[in-house]
Amino acid sequence: RVLPESNSDVDQLKKALDSVDLEAIQTSDDTYQSDNVENYLTSS
């Protein structure tokens, strides 16, 4: 379903997208992903 601009969830999503720090994410991608994969695979 396509959400209209007036939808409250769209407002929250826009705020979340605008607050993304691309530089911080790019520098932490490799460590973040590998750690979470290992944690998931070894969890119960």
PDB file of all heavy atoms in Angstrom:
ATOM      1  N   ARG A   1       0.844  -1.196   0.000  1.00  0.00           N
ATOM      2  CA  ARG A   1       0.000   0.000   0.000  1.00  0.00           C
ATOM      3  C   ARG A   1       0.878   1.243   0.000  1.00  0.00           C
ATOM      4  O   ARG A   1       1.868   1.323   0.750  1.00  0.00           O
ATOM      5  CB  ARG A   1      -0.913   0.008   1.229  1.00  0.00           C
ATOM      6  CG  ARG A   1      -1.796   1.251   1.327  1.00  0.00           C
ATOM      7  CD  ARG A   1      -3.005   0.974   2.208  1.00  0.00           C
ATOM      8  NE  ARG A   1      -2.640   0.678   3.577  1.00  0.00           N
ATOM      9  CZ  ARG A   1      -2.639   1.598   4.560  1.00  0.00           C
ATOM     10  NH1 ARG A   1      -2.946   2.842   4.291  1.00  0.00           N
ATOM     11  NH2 ARG A   1      -2.334   1.261   5.793  1.00  0.00           N
ATOM     12  N   VAL A   2       0.534   2.199  -0.842  1.00  0.00           N
ATOM     13  CA  VAL A   2       1.237   3.486  -0.860  1.00  0.00           C
ATOM     14  C   VAL A   2       0.619   4.376   0.218  1.00  0.00           C
ATOM     15  O   VAL A   2      -0.598   4.588   0.238  1.00  0.00           O
ATOM     16  CB  VAL A   2       1.120   4.159  -2.238  1.00  0.00           C
ATOM     17  CG1 VAL A   2       1.820   5.505  -2.228  1.00  0.00           C
ATOM     18  CG2 VAL A   2       1.702   3.263  -3.322  1.00  0.00           C
ATOM     19  N   LEU A   3       1.462   4.885   1.120  1.00  0.00           N
ATOM     20  CA  LEU A   3       0.978   5.725   2.212  1.00  0.00           C
ATOM     21  C   LEU A   3       0.935   7.184   1.773  1.00  0.00           C
ATOM     22  O   LEU A   3       1.875   7.681   1.146  1.00  0.00           O
ATOM     23  CB  LEU A   3       1.886   5.587   3.435  1.00  0.00           C
ATOM     24  CG  LEU A   3       1.998   4.182   4.045  1.00  0.00           C
ATOM     25  CD1 LEU A   3       2.990   4.188   5.203  1.00  0.00           C
ATOM     26  CD2 LEU A   3       0.638   3.690   4.521  1.00  0.00           C
ATOM     27  N   PRO A   4      -0.126   7.892   2.097  1.00  0.00           N
ATOM     28  CA  PRO A   4      -0.194   9.321   1.755  1.00  0.00           C
ATOM     29  C   PRO A   4       0.740  10.148   2.637  1.00  0.00           C
ATOM     30  O   PRO A   4       1.128   9.716   3.731  1.00  0.00           O
ATOM     31  CB  PRO A   4      -1.656   9.666   2.021  1.00  0.00           C
ATOM     32  CG  PRO A   4      -2.097   8.666   3.055  1.00  0.00           C
ATOM     33  CD  PRO A   4      -1.348   7.408   2.767  1.00  0.00           C
ATOM     34  N   GLU A   5       1.081  11.319   2.166  1.00  0.00           N
ATOM     35  CA  GLU A   5       1.993  12.194   2.916  1.00  0.00           C
ATOM     36  C   GLU A   5       1.429  12.562   4.280  1.00  0.00           C
ATOM     37  O   GLU A   5       2.172  12.851   5.220  1.00  0.00           O
ATOM     38  CB  GLU A   5       2.250  13.466   2.103  1.00  0.00           C
ATOM     39  CG  GLU A   5       3.015  13.236   0.805  1.00  0.00           C
ATOM     40  CD  GLU A   5       4.499  12.968   1.042  1.00  0.00           C
ATOM     41  OE1 GLU A   5       5.025  13.403   2.084  1.00  0.00           O
ATOM     42  OE2 GLU A   5       5.107  12.313   0.194  1.00  0.00           O
ATOM     43  N   SER A   6       0.087  12.574   4.401  1.00  0.00           N
ATOM     44  CA  SER A   6      -0.551  12.969   5.661  1.00  0.00           C
ATOM     45  C   SER A   6      -0.519  11.877   6.721  1.00  0.00           C
ATOM     46  O   SER A   6      -0.896  12.122   7.867  1.00  0.00           O
ATOM     47  CB  SER A   6      -2.005  13.360   5.388  1.00  0.00           C
ATOM     48  OG  SER A   6      -2.712  12.268   4.785  1.00  0.00           O
ATOM     49  N   ASN A   7      -0.092  10.674   6.363  1.00  0.00           N
ATOM     50  CA  ASN A   7      -0.062   9.569   7.314  1.00  0.00           C
ATOM     51  C   ASN A   7       0.967   9.838   8.403  1.00  0.00           C
ATOM     52  O   ASN A   7       2.097  10.259   8.132  1.00  0.00           O
ATOM     53  CB  ASN A   7       0.270   8.265   6.562  1.00  0.00           C
ATOM     54  CG  ASN A   7       0.153   7.050   7.453  1.00  0.00           C
ATOM     55  OD1 ASN A   7       1.054   6.749   8.226  1.00  0.00           O
ATOM     56  ND2 ASN A   7      -0.968   6.351   7.346  1.00  0.00           N
ATOM     57  N   SER A   8       0.585   9.567   9.657  1.00  0.00           N
ATOM     58  CA  SER A   8       1.477   9.848  10.787  1.00  0.00           C
ATOM     59  C   SER A   8       2.737   8.986  10.737  1.00  0.00           C
ATOM     60  O   SER A   8       3.815   9.430  11.155  1.00  0.00           O
ATOM     61  CB  SER A   8       0.738   9.611  12.105  1.00  0.00           C
ATOM     62  OG  SER A   8       0.277   8.270  12.188  1.00  0.00           O
ATOM     63  N   ASP A   9       2.626   7.750  10.218  1.00  0.00           N
ATOM     64  CA  ASP A   9       3.809   6.889  10.111  1.00  0.00           C
ATOM     65  C   ASP A   9       4.802   7.434   9.095  1.00  0.00           C
ATOM     66  O   ASP A   9       6.018   7.233   9.237  1.00  0.00           O
ATOM     67  CB  ASP A   9       3.399   5.470   9.722  1.00  0.00           C
ATOM     68  CG  ASP A   9       2.651   4.759  10.826  1.00  0.00           C
ATOM     69  OD1 ASP A   9       2.890   5.078  12.000  1.00  0.00           O
ATOM     70  OD2 ASP A   9       1.826   3.892  10.503  1.00  0.00           O
ATOM     71  N   VAL A  10       4.300   8.127   8.073  1.00  0.00           N
ATOM     72  CA  VAL A  10       5.186   8.743   7.089  1.00  0.00           C
ATOM     73  C   VAL A  10       5.986   9.861   7.735  1.00  0.00           C
ATOM     74  O   VAL A  10       7.189  10.017   7.480  1.00  0.00           O
ATOM     75  CB  VAL A  10       4.376   9.258   5.882  1.00  0.00           C
ATOM     76  CG1 VAL A  10       5.272  10.078   4.947  1.00  0.00           C
ATOM     77  CG2 VAL A  10       3.754   8.095   5.128  1.00  0.00           C
ATOM     78  N   ASP A  11       5.338  10.651   8.596  1.00  0.00           N
ATOM     79  CA  ASP A  11       6.047  11.722   9.301  1.00  0.00           C
ATOM     80  C   ASP A  11       7.183  11.151  10.156  1.00  0.00           C
ATOM     81  O   ASP A  11       8.307  11.676  10.154  1.00  0.00           O
ATOM     82  CB  ASP A  11       5.073  12.496  10.193  1.00  0.00           C
ATOM     83  CG  ASP A  11       4.102  13.334   9.370  1.00  0.00           C
ATOM     84  OD1 ASP A  11       4.457  13.676   8.219  1.00  0.00           O
ATOM     85  OD2 ASP A  11       3.013  13.649   9.880  1.00  0.00           O
ATOM     86  N   GLN A  12       6.909  10.081  10.879  1.00  0.00           N
ATOM     87  CA  GLN A  12       7.945   9.461  11.710  1.00  0.00           C
ATOM     88  C   GLN A  12       9.069   8.894  10.856  1.00  0.00           C
ATOM     89  O   GLN A  12      10.250   8.996  11.214  1.00  0.00           O
ATOM     90  CB  GLN A  12       7.326   8.355  12.567  1.00  0.00           C
ATOM     91  CG  GLN A  12       6.314   8.852  13.590  1.00  0.00           C
ATOM     92  CD  GLN A  12       5.734   7.722  14.421  1.00  0.00           C
ATOM     93  OE1 GLN A  12       6.245   6.601  14.405  1.00  0.00           O
ATOM     94  NE2 GLN A  12       4.662   8.010  15.144  1.00  0.00           N
ATOM     95  N   LEU A  13       8.695   8.284   9.716  1.00  0.00           N
ATOM     96  CA  LEU A  13       9.712   7.706   8.842  1.00  0.00           C
ATOM     97  C   LEU A  13      10.603   8.798   8.253  1.00  0.00           C
ATOM     98  O   LEU A  13      11.832   8.634   8.175  1.00  0.00           O
ATOM     99  CB  LEU A  13       9.034   6.904   7.727  1.00  0.00           C
ATOM    100  CG  LEU A  13       9.964   6.236   6.705  1.00  0.00           C
ATOM    101  CD1 LEU A  13      10.942   5.289   7.395  1.00  0.00           C
ATOM    102  CD2 LEU A  13       9.151   5.483   5.640  1.00  0.00           C
ATOM    103  N   LYS A  14      10.013   9.921   7.845  1.00  0.00           N
ATOM    104  CA  LYS A  14      10.805  11.027   7.305  1.00  0.00           C
ATOM    105  C   LYS A  14      11.809  11.531   8.331  1.00  0.00           C
ATOM    106  O   LYS A  14      12.977  11.809   8.007  1.00  0.00           O
ATOM    107  CB  LYS A  14       9.892  12.164   6.864  1.00  0.00           C
ATOM    108  CG  LYS A  14       9.122  11.901   5.578  1.00  0.00           C
ATOM    109  CD  LYS A  14       8.265  13.101   5.208  1.00  0.00           C
ATOM    110  CE  LYS A  14       7.548  12.893   3.894  1.00  0.00           C
ATOM    111  NZ  LYS A  14       6.697  14.068   3.561  1.00  0.00           N
ATOM    112  N   LYS A  15      11.386  11.664   9.574  1.00  0.00           N
ATOM    113  CA  LYS A  15      12.300  12.116  10.626  1.00  0.00           C
ATOM    114  C   LYS A  15      13.445  11.126  10.819  1.00  0.00           C
ATOM    115  O   LYS A  15      14.604  11.534  11.009  1.00  0.00           O
ATOM    116  CB  LYS A  15      11.521  12.296  11.930  1.00  0.00           C
ATOM    117  CG  LYS A  15      10.508  13.431  11.900  1.00  0.00           C
ATOM    118  CD  LYS A  15       9.718  13.499  13.203  1.00  0.00           C
ATOM    119  CE  LYS A  15       8.677  14.611  13.148  1.00  0.00           C
ATOM    120  NZ  LYS A  15       7.857  14.667  14.388  1.00  0.00           N
ATOM    121  N   ALA A  16      13.121   9.832  10.764  1.00  0.00           N
ATOM    122  CA  ALA A  16      14.160   8.810  10.924  1.00  0.00           C
ATOM    123  C   ALA A  16      15.153   8.855   9.769  1.00  0.00           C
ATOM    124  O   ALA A  16      16.372   8.733   9.976  1.00  0.00           O
ATOM    125  CB  ALA A  16      13.523   7.425  11.018  1.00  0.00           C
ATOM    126  N   LEU A  17      14.657   9.073   8.552  1.00  0.00           N
ATOM    127  CA  LEU A  17      15.539   9.123   7.387  1.00  0.00           C
ATOM    128  C   LEU A  17      16.423  10.368   7.418  1.00  0.00           C
ATOM    129  O   LEU A  17      17.601  10.323   7.048  1.00  0.00           O
ATOM    130  CB  LEU A  17      14.713   9.090   6.102  1.00  0.00           C
ATOM    131  CG  LEU A  17      13.832   7.845   5.877  1.00  0.00           C
ATOM    132  CD1 LEU A  17      13.099   7.949   4.540  1.00  0.00           C
ATOM    133  CD2 LEU A  17      14.654   6.574   5.933  1.00  0.00           C
ATOM    134  N   ASP A  18      15.848  11.497   7.853  1.00  0.00           N
ATOM    135  CA  ASP A  18      16.615  12.748   7.906  1.00  0.00           C
ATOM    136  C   ASP A  18      17.702  12.718   8.976  1.00  0.00           C
ATOM    137  O   ASP A  18      18.712  13.436   8.867  1.00  0.00           O
ATOM    138  CB  ASP A  18      15.671  13.928   8.170  1.00  0.00           C
ATOM    139  CG  ASP A  18      14.737  14.202   6.994  1.00  0.00           C
ATOM    140  OD1 ASP A  18      15.076  13.780   5.860  1.00  0.00           O
ATOM    141  OD2 ASP A  18      13.673  14.819   7.222  1.00  0.00           O
ATOM    142  N   SER A  19      17.514  11.900  10.002  1.00  0.00           N
ATOM    143  CA  SER A  19      18.479  11.872  11.115  1.00  0.00           C
ATOM    144  C   SER A  19      19.603  10.864  10.905  1.00  0.00           C
ATOM    145  O   SER A  19      20.465  10.710  11.769  1.00  0.00           O
ATOM    146  CB  SER A  19      17.745  11.533  12.421  1.00  0.00           C
ATOM    147  OG  SER A  19      17.171  10.238  12.353  1.00  0.00           O
ATOM    148  N   VAL A  20      19.595  10.167   9.764  1.00  0.00           N
ATOM    149  CA  VAL A  20      20.624   9.152   9.510  1.00  0.00           C
ATOM    150  C   VAL A  20      21.983   9.836   9.301  1.00  0.00           C
ATOM    151  O   VAL A  20      22.106  10.778   8.520  1.00  0.00           O
ATOM    152  CB  VAL A  20      20.260   8.305   8.270  1.00  0.00           C
ATOM    153  CG1 VAL A  20      21.423   7.417   7.886  1.00  0.00           C
ATOM    154  CG2 VAL A  20      19.021   7.463   8.557  1.00  0.00           C
ATOM    155  N   ASP A  21      23.005   9.345  10.008  1.00  0.00           N
ATOM    156  CA  ASP A  21      24.378   9.833   9.871  1.00  0.00           C
ATOM    157  C   ASP A  21      25.124   8.852   8.956  1.00  0.00           C
ATOM    158  O   ASP A  21      25.614   7.807   9.400  1.00  0.00           O
ATOM    159  CB  ASP A  21      25.042   9.916  11.242  1.00  0.00           C
ATOM    160  CG  ASP A  21      26.428  10.551  11.180  1.00  0.00           C
ATOM    161  OD1 ASP A  21      26.973  10.696  10.059  1.00  0.00           O
ATOM    162  OD2 ASP A  21      26.968  10.905  12.237  1.00  0.00           O
ATOM    163  N   LEU A  22      25.219   9.184   7.669  1.00  0.00           N
ATOM    164  CA  LEU A  22      25.802   8.264   6.692  1.00  0.00           C
ATOM    165  C   LEU A  22      27.266   7.978   6.977  1.00  0.00           C
ATOM    166  O   LEU A  22      27.738   6.853   6.831  1.00  0.00           O
ATOM    167  CB  LEU A  22      25.641   8.822   5.282  1.00  0.00           C
ATOM    168  CG  LEU A  22      24.205   8.869   4.735  1.00  0.00           C
ATOM    169  CD1 LEU A  22      24.199   9.433   3.329  1.00  0.00           C
ATOM    170  CD2 LEU A  22      23.597   7.480   4.740  1.00  0.00           C
ATOM    171  N   GLU A  23      28.028   9.007   7.381  1.00  0.00           N
ATOM    172  CA  GLU A  23      29.469   8.805   7.633  1.00  0.00           C
ATOM    173  C   GLU A  23      29.691   7.835   8.765  1.00  0.00           C
ATOM    174  O   GLU A  23      30.542   6.945   8.690  1.00  0.00           O
ATOM    175  CB  GLU A  23      30.137  10.145   7.927  1.00  0.00           C
ATOM    176  CG  GLU A  23      30.178  11.085   6.732  1.00  0.00           C
ATOM    177  CD  GLU A  23      30.952  12.361   7.039  1.00  0.00           C
ATOM    178  OE1 GLU A  23      31.482  12.473   8.178  1.00  0.00           O
ATOM    179  OE2 GLU A  23      31.020  13.219   6.166  1.00  0.00           O
ATOM    180  N   ALA A  24      28.939   7.982   9.837  1.00  0.00           N
ATOM    181  CA  ALA A  24      29.104   7.093  10.982  1.00  0.00           C
ATOM    182  C   ALA A  24      28.732   5.651  10.621  1.00  0.00           C
ATOM    183  O   ALA A  24      29.386   4.694  11.038  1.00  0.00           O
ATOM    184  CB  ALA A  24      28.240   7.571  12.145  1.00  0.00           C
ATOM    185  N   ILE A  25      27.704   5.513   9.792  1.00  0.00           N
ATOM    186  CA  ILE A  25      27.269   4.172   9.404  1.00  0.00           C
ATOM    187  C   ILE A  25      28.296   3.506   8.499  1.00  0.00           C
ATOM    188  O   ILE A  25      28.629   2.327   8.656  1.00  0.00           O
ATOM    189  CB  ILE A  25      25.892   4.252   8.711  1.00  0.00           C
ATOM    190  CG1 ILE A  25      24.822   4.548   9.753  1.00  0.00           C
ATOM    191  CG2 ILE A  25      25.573   2.969   7.967  1.00  0.00           C
ATOM    192  CD1 ILE A  25      23.448   4.723   9.189  1.00  0.00           C
ATOM    193  N   GLN A  26      28.858   4.258   7.568  1.00  0.00           N
ATOM    194  CA  GLN A  26      29.818   3.690   6.633  1.00  0.00           C
ATOM    195  C   GLN A  26      31.077   3.201   7.331  1.00  0.00           C
ATOM    196  O   GLN A  26      31.662   2.190   6.969  1.00  0.00           O
ATOM    197  CB  GLN A  26      30.177   4.720   5.565  1.00  0.00           C
ATOM    198  CG  GLN A  26      29.027   5.010   4.599  1.00  0.00           C
ATOM    199  CD  GLN A  26      29.337   6.140   3.647  1.00  0.00           C
ATOM    200  OE1 GLN A  26      30.438   6.688   3.665  1.00  0.00           O
ATOM    201  NE2 GLN A  26      28.363   6.506   2.822  1.00  0.00           N
ATOM    202  N   THR A  27      31.517   3.928   8.362  1.00  0.00           N
ATOM    203  CA  THR A  27      32.741   3.528   9.062  1.00  0.00           C
ATOM    204  C   THR A  27      32.529   2.341   9.990  1.00  0.00           C
ATOM    205  O   THR A  27      33.465   1.638  10.336  1.00  0.00           O
ATOM    206  CB  THR A  27      33.284   4.706   9.884  1.00  0.00           C
ATOM    207  OG1 THR A  27      32.255   5.163  10.789  1.00  0.00           O
ATOM    208  CG2 THR A  27      33.706   5.854   8.984  1.00  0.00           C
ATOM    209  N   SER A  28      31.288   2.113  10.393  1.00  0.00           N
ATOM    210  CA  SER A  28      31.030   1.024  11.349  1.00  0.00           C
ATOM    211  C   SER A  28      30.367  -0.184  10.726  1.00  0.00           C
ATOM    212  O   SER A  28      30.109  -1.170  11.408  1.00  0.00           O
ATOM    213  CB  SER A  28      30.130   1.532  12.493  1.00  0.00           C
ATOM    214  OG  SER A  28      28.872   1.944  11.988  1.00  0.00           O
ATOM    215  N   ASP A  29      30.107  -0.143   9.415  1.00  0.00           N
ATOM    216  CA  ASP A  29      29.356  -1.216   8.763  1.00  0.00           C
ATOM    217  C   ASP A  29      29.989  -2.579   8.946  1.00  0.00           C
ATOM    218  O   ASP A  29      29.341  -3.538   9.357  1.00  0.00           O
ATOM    219  CB  ASP A  29      29.206  -0.929   7.269  1.00  0.00           C
ATOM    220  CG  ASP A  29      27.813  -0.409   6.946  1.00  0.00           C
ATOM    221  OD1 ASP A  29      26.923  -0.514   7.811  1.00  0.00           O
ATOM    222  OD2 ASP A  29      27.631   0.097   5.830  1.00  0.00           O
ATOM    223  N   ASP A  30      31.279  -2.707   8.637  1.00  0.00           N
ATOM    224  CA  ASP A  30      31.914  -4.025   8.634  1.00  0.00           C
ATOM    225  C   ASP A  30      31.895  -4.657  10.010  1.00  0.00           C
ATOM    226  O   ASP A  30      31.540  -5.819  10.184  1.00  0.00           O
ATOM    227  CB  ASP A  30      33.353  -3.899   8.133  1.00  0.00           C
ATOM    228  CG  ASP A  30      33.372  -3.512   6.661  1.00  0.00           C
ATOM    229  OD1 ASP A  30      32.345  -3.694   5.983  1.00  0.00           O
ATOM    230  OD2 ASP A  30      34.417  -2.997   6.207  1.00  0.00           O
ATOM    231  N   THR A  31      32.311  -3.901  11.035  1.00  0.00           N
ATOM    232  CA  THR A  31      32.352  -4.443  12.384  1.00  0.00           C
ATOM    233  C   THR A  31      30.963  -4.793  12.881  1.00  0.00           C
ATOM    234  O   THR A  31      30.734  -5.861  13.445  1.00  0.00           O
ATOM    235  CB  THR A  31      32.995  -3.423  13.343  1.00  0.00           C
ATOM    236  OG1 THR A  31      34.290  -3.107  12.868  1.00  0.00           O
ATOM    237  CG2 THR A  31      33.063  -3.986  14.749  1.00  0.00           C
ATOM    238  N   TYR A  32      30.010  -3.903  12.622  1.00  0.00           N
ATOM    239  CA  TYR A  32      28.635  -4.102  13.089  1.00  0.00           C
ATOM    240  C   TYR A  32      28.021  -5.366  12.502  1.00  0.00           C
ATOM    241  O   TYR A  32      27.468  -6.196  13.207  1.00  0.00           O
ATOM    242  CB  TYR A  32      27.785  -2.885  12.695  1.00  0.00           C
ATOM    243  CG  TYR A  32      26.331  -2.990  13.076  1.00  0.00           C
ATOM    244  CD1 TYR A  32      25.893  -2.580  14.328  1.00  0.00           C
ATOM    245  CD2 TYR A  32      25.396  -3.512  12.173  1.00  0.00           C
ATOM    246  CE1 TYR A  32      24.562  -2.677  14.668  1.00  0.00           C
ATOM    247  CE2 TYR A  32      24.071  -3.610  12.509  1.00  0.00           C
ATOM    248  CZ  TYR A  32      23.649  -3.187  13.759  1.00  0.00           C
ATOM    249  OH  TYR A  32      22.333  -3.279  14.103  1.00  0.00           O
ATOM    250  N   GLN A  33      28.183  -5.546  11.175  1.00  0.00           N
ATOM    251  CA  GLN A  33      27.548  -6.676  10.524  1.00  0.00           C
ATOM    252  C   GLN A  33      28.169  -7.997  10.954  1.00  0.00           C
ATOM    253  O   GLN A  33      27.465  -8.950  11.268  1.00  0.00           O
ATOM    254  CB  GLN A  33      27.652  -6.530   8.993  1.00  0.00           C
ATOM    255  CG  GLN A  33      26.931  -5.323   8.438  1.00  0.00           C
ATOM    256  CD  GLN A  33      25.407  -5.509   8.396  1.00  0.00           C
ATOM    257  OE1 GLN A  33      24.921  -6.540   8.833  1.00  0.00           O
ATOM    258  NE2 GLN A  33      24.705  -4.523   7.910  1.00  0.00           N
ATOM    259  N   SER A  34      29.485  -8.087  10.994  1.00  0.00           N
ATOM    260  CA  SER A  34      30.118  -9.359  11.326  1.00  0.00           C
ATOM    261  C   SER A  34      29.829  -9.763  12.760  1.00  0.00           C
ATOM    262  O   SER A  34      29.607 -10.937  13.052  1.00  0.00           O
ATOM    263  CB  SER A  34      31.634  -9.256  11.108  1.00  0.00           C
ATOM    264  OG  SER A  34      32.189  -8.261  11.954  1.00  0.00           O
ATOM    265  N   ASP A  35      29.814  -8.802  13.694  1.00  0.00           N
ATOM    266  CA  ASP A  35      29.518  -9.119  15.087  1.00  0.00           C
ATOM    267  C   ASP A  35      28.104  -9.658  15.251  1.00  0.00           C
ATOM    268  O   ASP A  35      27.861 -10.630  15.960  1.00  0.00           O
ATOM    269  CB  ASP A  35      29.697  -7.879  15.975  1.00  0.00           C
ATOM    270  CG  ASP A  35      31.165  -7.531  16.153  1.00  0.00           C
ATOM    271  OD1 ASP A  35      32.015  -8.375  15.808  1.00  0.00           O
ATOM    272  OD2 ASP A  35      31.461  -6.416  16.626  1.00  0.00           O
ATOM    273  N   ASN A  36      27.144  -9.039  14.558  1.00  0.00           N
ATOM    274  CA  ASN A  36      25.761  -9.459  14.702  1.00  0.00           C
ATOM    275  C   ASN A  36      25.495 -10.803  14.064  1.00  0.00           C
ATOM    276  O   ASN A  36      24.667 -11.577  14.541  1.00  0.00           O
ATOM    277  CB  ASN A  36      24.818  -8.405  14.117  1.00  0.00           C
ATOM    278  CG  ASN A  36      24.567  -7.259  15.092  1.00  0.00           C
ATOM    279  OD1 ASN A  36      23.724  -7.363  15.969  1.00  0.00           O
ATOM    280  ND2 ASN A  36      25.318  -6.182  14.955  1.00  0.00           N
ATOM    281  N   VAL A  37      26.192 -11.097  12.961  1.00  0.00           N
ATOM    282  CA  VAL A  37      26.049 -12.417  12.347  1.00  0.00           C
ATOM    283  C   VAL A  37      26.511 -13.482  13.312  1.00  0.00           C
ATOM    284  O   VAL A  37      25.840 -14.492  13.527  1.00  0.00           O
ATOM    285  CB  VAL A  37      26.851 -12.485  11.031  1.00  0.00           C
ATOM    286  CG1 VAL A  37      26.895 -13.924  10.522  1.00  0.00           C
ATOM    287  CG2 VAL A  37      26.233 -11.585   9.992  1.00  0.00           C
ATOM    288  N   GLU A  38      27.675 -13.263  13.924  1.00  0.00           N
ATOM    289  CA  GLU A  38      28.217 -14.256  14.848  1.00  0.00           C
ATOM    290  C   GLU A  38      27.296 -14.434  16.055  1.00  0.00           C
ATOM    291  O   GLU A  38      27.035 -15.549  16.494  1.00  0.00           O
ATOM    292  CB  GLU A  38      29.611 -13.828  15.307  1.00  0.00           C
ATOM    293  CG  GLU A  38      30.278 -14.857  16.221  1.00  0.00           C
ATOM    294  CD  GLU A  38      31.681 -14.436  16.585  1.00  0.00           C
ATOM    295  OE1 GLU A  38      32.154 -13.412  16.052  1.00  0.00           O
ATOM    296  OE2 GLU A  38      32.301 -15.129  17.405  1.00  0.00           O
ATOM    297  N   ASN A  39      26.789 -13.311  16.583  1.00  0.00           N
ATOM    298  CA  ASN A  39      25.906 -13.398  17.739  1.00  0.00           C
ATOM    299  C   ASN A  39      24.641 -14.170  17.412  1.00  0.00           C
ATOM    300  O   ASN A  39      24.146 -14.951  18.212  1.00  0.00           O
ATOM    301  CB  ASN A  39      25.534 -11.989  18.228  1.00  0.00           C
ATOM    302  CG  ASN A  39      26.722 -11.278  18.859  1.00  0.00           C
ATOM    303  OD1 ASN A  39      27.667 -11.927  19.306  1.00  0.00           O
ATOM    304  ND2 ASN A  39      26.676  -9.959  18.887  1.00  0.00           N
ATOM    305  N   TYR A  40      24.111 -13.944  16.215  1.00  0.00           N
ATOM    306  CA  TYR A  40      22.871 -14.632  15.849  1.00  0.00           C
ATOM    307  C   TYR A  40      23.088 -16.133  15.688  1.00  0.00           C
ATOM    308  O   TYR A  40      22.326 -16.955  16.188  1.00  0.00           O
ATOM    309  CB  TYR A  40      22.291 -14.072  14.551  1.00  0.00           C
ATOM    310  CG  TYR A  40      21.077 -14.834  14.115  1.00  0.00           C
ATOM    311  CD1 TYR A  40      19.857 -14.622  14.729  1.00  0.00           C
ATOM    312  CD2 TYR A  40      21.184 -15.823  13.136  1.00  0.00           C
ATOM    313  CE1 TYR A  40      18.757 -15.364  14.369  1.00  0.00           C
ATOM    314  CE2 TYR A  40      20.082 -16.566  12.759  1.00  0.00           C
ATOM    315  CZ  TYR A  40      18.861 -16.322  13.374  1.00  0.00           C
ATOM    316  OH  TYR A  40      17.771 -17.045  13.032  1.00  0.00           O
ATOM    317  N   LEU A  41      24.160 -16.491  14.990  1.00  0.00           N
ATOM    318  CA  LEU A  41      24.389 -17.903  14.695  1.00  0.00           C
ATOM    319  C   LEU A  41      24.710 -18.713  15.934  1.00  0.00           C
ATOM    320  O   LEU A  41      24.435 -19.901  15.995  1.00  0.00           O
ATOM    321  CB  LEU A  41      25.509 -18.052  13.666  1.00  0.00           C
ATOM    322  CG  LEU A  41      25.155 -17.590  12.251  1.00  0.00           C
ATOM    323  CD1 LEU A  41      26.383 -17.652  11.367  1.00  0.00           C
ATOM    324  CD2 LEU A  41      24.042 -18.434  11.666  1.00  0.00           C
ATOM    325  N   THR A  42      25.294 -18.089  16.953  1.00  0.00           N
ATOM    326  CA  THR A  42      25.670 -18.818  18.160  1.00  0.00           C
ATOM    327  C   THR A  42      24.615 -18.722  19.247  1.00  0.00           C
ATOM    328  O   THR A  42      24.758 -19.320  20.296  1.00  0.00           O
ATOM    329  CB  THR A  42      27.005 -18.289  18.718  1.00  0.00           C
ATOM    330  OG1 THR A  42      26.882 -16.881  18.948  1.00  0.00           O
ATOM    331  CG2 THR A  42      28.132 -18.538  17.740  1.00  0.00           C
ATOM    332  N   SER A  43      23.546 -17.959  18.998  1.00  0.00           N
ATOM    333  CA  SER A  43      22.494 -17.836  20.001  1.00  0.00           C
ATOM    334  C   SER A  43      21.592 -19.061  19.964  1.00  0.00           C
ATOM    335  O   SER A  43      21.580 -19.823  19.005  1.00  0.00           O
ATOM    336  CB  SER A  43      21.654 -16.581  19.754  1.00  0.00           C
ATOM    337  OG  SER A  43      20.982 -16.683  18.525  1.00  0.00           O
ATOM    338  N   SER A  44      20.808 -19.246  21.008  1.00  0.00           N
ATOM    339  CA  SER A  44      19.899 -20.388  21.077  1.00  0.00           C
ATOM    340  C   SER A  44      18.766 -20.223  20.102  1.00  0.00           C
ATOM    341  O   SER A  44      18.158 -19.179  20.004  1.00  0.00           O
ATOM    342  CB  SER A  44      19.334 -20.507  22.504  1.00  0.00           C
ATOM    343  OG  SER A  44      18.307 -21.464  22.530  1.00  0.00           O
TER     344      SER A  44
END
